[in-house]
Amino acid sequence: MKKTNNYPNEIIVGNIVGVKGIKGELKVRPETDNPDRFNVKSEVWIDRAKYVIQNSQVNQKKNLIYLDIGLKDRSSAEKNIGKLIKVPITMLPLLDDGKYYQFEIIGIEVYDESNNEIGKLTEILPNQNNDNYIIVNKENKEIIIPSKSEWIKKIDICNNIMTVKLPKYI
């Protein structure tokens, strides 16, 4: 079974929620766990237009990042409120072996250790200790499996297959 590449061309890294001051700075709610995503000289896209970050300031208390991407004034910045900041997937850093971006595994076929089909991974729920994978089976019922090596035995991106050990409660 070969995987069809249904990857997006770009991923969302932030949401423009407002403006700061009169010089065209954007208030961005980050949608990424990569702390370097909004560094000075990094490239970002808004409505398919490329911008280079000229200045970046983090407000951890409010979970905001203030970005200067070269907009001239407050009015120019306000036109972007509600828009998404994206980057092409080609700009994503390579991950270590055994690590995956969510878009790489959502939609993957899930099998048990005896090679019986369980369903498809449809959603990933973040949790404090580990993510939880939501798998929907043929009866459209959800199965939740923690993303720990105890349960996730193998992920084969090339063949679109994840092998899991089902918890006894299922």
Protein backbone atom coordinates (compact mmCIF):
# COMPACT_ATOMS: atom_id res chain seq x y z
CA MET A 1 0.00 0.00 0.00
CA LYS A 2 1.70 3.17 -1.18
CA LYS A 3 1.09 6.51 0.42
CA THR A 4 -0.32 9.28 -1.66
CA ASN A 5 1.31 12.51 -0.66
CA ASN A 6 -1.58 14.57 0.64
CA TYR A 7 0.72 16.91 2.51
CA PRO A 8 -0.19 20.56 2.53
CA ASN A 9 2.04 22.94 0.58
CA GLU A 10 2.30 25.19 3.60
CA ILE A 11 1.60 25.10 7.29
CA ILE A 12 0.14 27.66 9.65
CA VAL A 13 2.62 29.06 12.17
CA GLY A 14 0.63 31.99 13.53
CA ASN A 15 -2.60 33.94 13.58
CA ILE A 16 -2.63 37.73 13.36
CA VAL A 17 -4.85 38.90 16.21
CA GLY A 18 -4.14 42.64 16.28
CA VAL A 19 -1.63 45.41 15.80
CA LYS A 20 0.80 47.17 18.12
CA GLY A 21 1.53 50.87 17.95
CA ILE A 22 1.50 53.05 14.84
CA LYS A 23 4.48 51.65 12.92
CA GLY A 24 2.79 48.58 11.40
CA GLU A 25 3.73 45.90 13.92
CA LEU A 26 1.54 42.80 14.07
CA LYS A 27 0.33 40.98 17.18
CA VAL A 28 0.62 37.28 16.41
CA ARG A 29 -0.68 34.29 18.35
CA PRO A 30 1.89 31.55 17.60
CA GLU A 31 0.62 28.20 16.27
CA THR A 32 4.00 26.48 16.40
CA ASP A 33 6.19 24.94 19.06
CA ASN A 34 9.36 25.97 17.21
CA PRO A 35 10.80 28.91 19.19
CA ASP A 36 12.98 29.98 16.23
CA ARG A 37 10.08 30.29 13.78
CA PHE A 38 9.79 34.08 14.30
CA ASN A 39 13.47 35.01 14.47
CA VAL A 40 14.74 38.13 12.70
CA LYS A 41 15.43 37.45 8.99
CA SER A 42 13.04 34.45 8.95
CA GLU A 43 10.59 34.36 6.07
CA VAL A 44 6.84 34.14 6.53
CA TRP A 45 3.89 34.28 4.12
CA ILE A 46 0.62 36.15 4.45
CA ASP A 47 -1.88 35.69 1.62
CA ARG A 48 0.87 34.17 -0.56
CA ALA A 49 3.07 37.26 -0.17
CA LYS A 50 6.52 36.70 1.31
CA TYR A 51 7.77 38.89 4.13
CA VAL A 52 11.05 38.90 6.04
CA ILE A 53 10.88 39.46 9.78
CA GLN A 54 12.76 42.65 10.62
CA ASN A 55 12.07 42.63 14.35
CA SER A 56 10.43 40.17 16.71
CA GLN A 57 9.48 40.55 20.35
CA VAL A 58 7.93 37.84 22.55
CA ASN A 59 5.30 38.59 25.19
CA GLN A 60 5.17 35.30 27.09
CA LYS A 61 2.61 36.56 29.59
CA LYS A 62 0.06 37.14 26.80
CA ASN A 63 1.36 34.34 24.52
CA LEU A 64 1.90 36.86 21.74
CA ILE A 65 4.69 37.75 19.38
CA TYR A 66 5.03 41.27 18.04
CA LEU A 67 6.35 41.20 14.48
CA ASP A 68 7.74 43.93 12.27
CA ILE A 69 7.60 42.62 8.70
CA GLY A 70 8.10 45.97 6.99
CA LEU A 71 4.51 47.23 6.86
CA LYS A 72 4.51 51.02 6.66
CA ASP A 73 1.86 52.00 9.22
CA ARG A 74 -0.94 50.89 11.54
CA SER A 75 -3.52 51.03 8.74
CA SER A 76 -1.48 48.60 6.59
CA ALA A 77 -1.09 46.28 9.57
CA GLU A 78 -4.81 46.38 10.47
CA LYS A 79 -5.70 45.00 7.03
CA ASN A 80 -4.01 41.74 8.10
CA ILE A 81 -5.96 41.14 11.33
CA GLY A 82 -7.52 37.69 11.21
CA LYS A 83 -5.13 36.39 8.57
CA LEU A 84 -2.87 33.40 9.00
CA ILE A 85 0.91 33.40 8.85
CA LYS A 86 2.22 30.39 6.96
CA VAL A 87 5.49 28.86 5.79
CA PRO A 88 6.04 26.34 2.97
CA ILE A 89 6.66 22.81 4.23
CA THR A 90 9.95 22.89 2.35
CA MET A 91 11.18 25.35 5.00
CA LEU A 92 10.46 23.03 7.91
CA PRO A 93 13.54 21.74 9.71
CA LEU A 94 14.31 18.05 9.46
CA LEU A 95 13.28 16.12 12.55
CA ASP A 96 15.25 13.45 14.37
CA ASP A 97 14.46 9.81 13.60
CA GLY A 98 11.23 8.75 15.27
CA LYS A 99 9.83 12.30 15.30
CA TYR A 100 7.09 13.41 12.92
CA TYR A 101 5.13 16.49 12.04
CA GLN A 102 1.42 16.07 12.71
CA PHE A 103 0.52 16.51 9.04
CA GLU A 104 2.76 13.52 8.24
CA ILE A 105 0.81 11.07 10.36
CA ILE A 106 -2.78 12.35 10.38
CA GLY A 107 -4.64 10.10 7.95
CA ILE A 108 -2.20 7.20 8.37
CA GLU A 109 -3.67 3.67 8.38
CA VAL A 110 -3.43 1.99 11.79
CA TYR A 111 -2.90 -1.75 12.31
CA ASP A 112 -2.41 -3.90 15.38
CA GLU A 113 0.61 -6.12 15.97
CA SER A 114 -1.14 -9.02 14.21
CA ASN A 115 -1.58 -6.86 11.10
CA ASN A 116 -5.34 -6.42 11.60
CA GLU A 117 -6.64 -3.09 10.37
CA ILE A 118 -7.88 -0.86 13.18
CA GLY A 119 -8.70 2.37 11.36
CA LYS A 120 -7.20 5.77 10.54
CA LEU A 121 -5.48 8.31 12.72
CA THR A 122 -7.78 11.33 12.46
CA GLU A 123 -6.66 13.68 15.21
CA ILE A 124 -3.89 14.33 17.69
CA LEU A 125 -4.85 15.68 21.09
CA PRO A 126 -2.05 17.40 22.98
CA ASN A 127 -1.62 16.36 26.58
CA GLN A 128 0.78 17.47 29.28
CA ASN A 129 2.83 14.26 29.30
CA ASN A 130 2.24 12.95 25.77
CA ASP A 131 -0.12 13.41 22.85
CA ASN A 132 -3.10 11.13 22.42
CA TYR A 133 -3.88 9.69 19.00
CA ILE A 134 -7.53 9.47 17.96
CA ILE A 135 -8.15 6.55 15.64
CA VAL A 136 -11.51 6.10 13.92
CA ASN A 137 -12.39 2.51 13.01
CA LYS A 138 -14.72 1.17 10.28
CA GLU A 139 -17.71 1.45 12.62
CA ASN A 140 -16.87 5.15 13.01
CA LYS A 141 -15.97 4.67 16.69
CA GLU A 142 -13.04 6.50 18.22
CA ILE A 143 -10.14 4.72 19.85
CA ILE A 144 -7.70 6.79 21.89
CA ILE A 145 -4.11 5.59 22.19
CA PRO A 146 -1.31 7.46 23.99
CA SER A 147 1.64 8.35 21.77
CA LYS A 148 4.09 6.37 23.88
CA SER A 149 6.45 3.67 22.66
CA GLU A 150 4.56 1.26 24.90
CA TRP A 151 1.59 1.55 22.50
CA ILE A 152 3.02 2.90 19.22
CA LYS A 153 5.26 0.16 17.87
CA LYS A 154 6.14 1.46 14.42
CA ILE A 155 5.38 4.35 12.10
CA ASP A 156 6.11 3.77 8.43
CA ILE A 157 5.54 7.07 6.65
CA CYS A 158 6.54 5.69 3.22
CA ASN A 159 3.83 3.03 3.32
CA ASN A 160 1.29 5.07 5.30
CA ILE A 161 1.14 2.53 8.15
CA MET A 162 1.26 2.79 11.92
CA THR A 163 1.49 -0.36 14.01
CA VAL A 164 0.13 -0.20 17.55
CA LYS A 165 -0.39 -2.38 20.56
CA LEU A 166 -3.99 -1.99 21.62
CA PRO A 167 -4.55 -1.27 25.30
CA LYS A 168 -6.54 -3.96 27.13
CA TYR A 169 -9.41 -1.55 27.79
CA ILE A 170 -10.27 -1.49 24.07
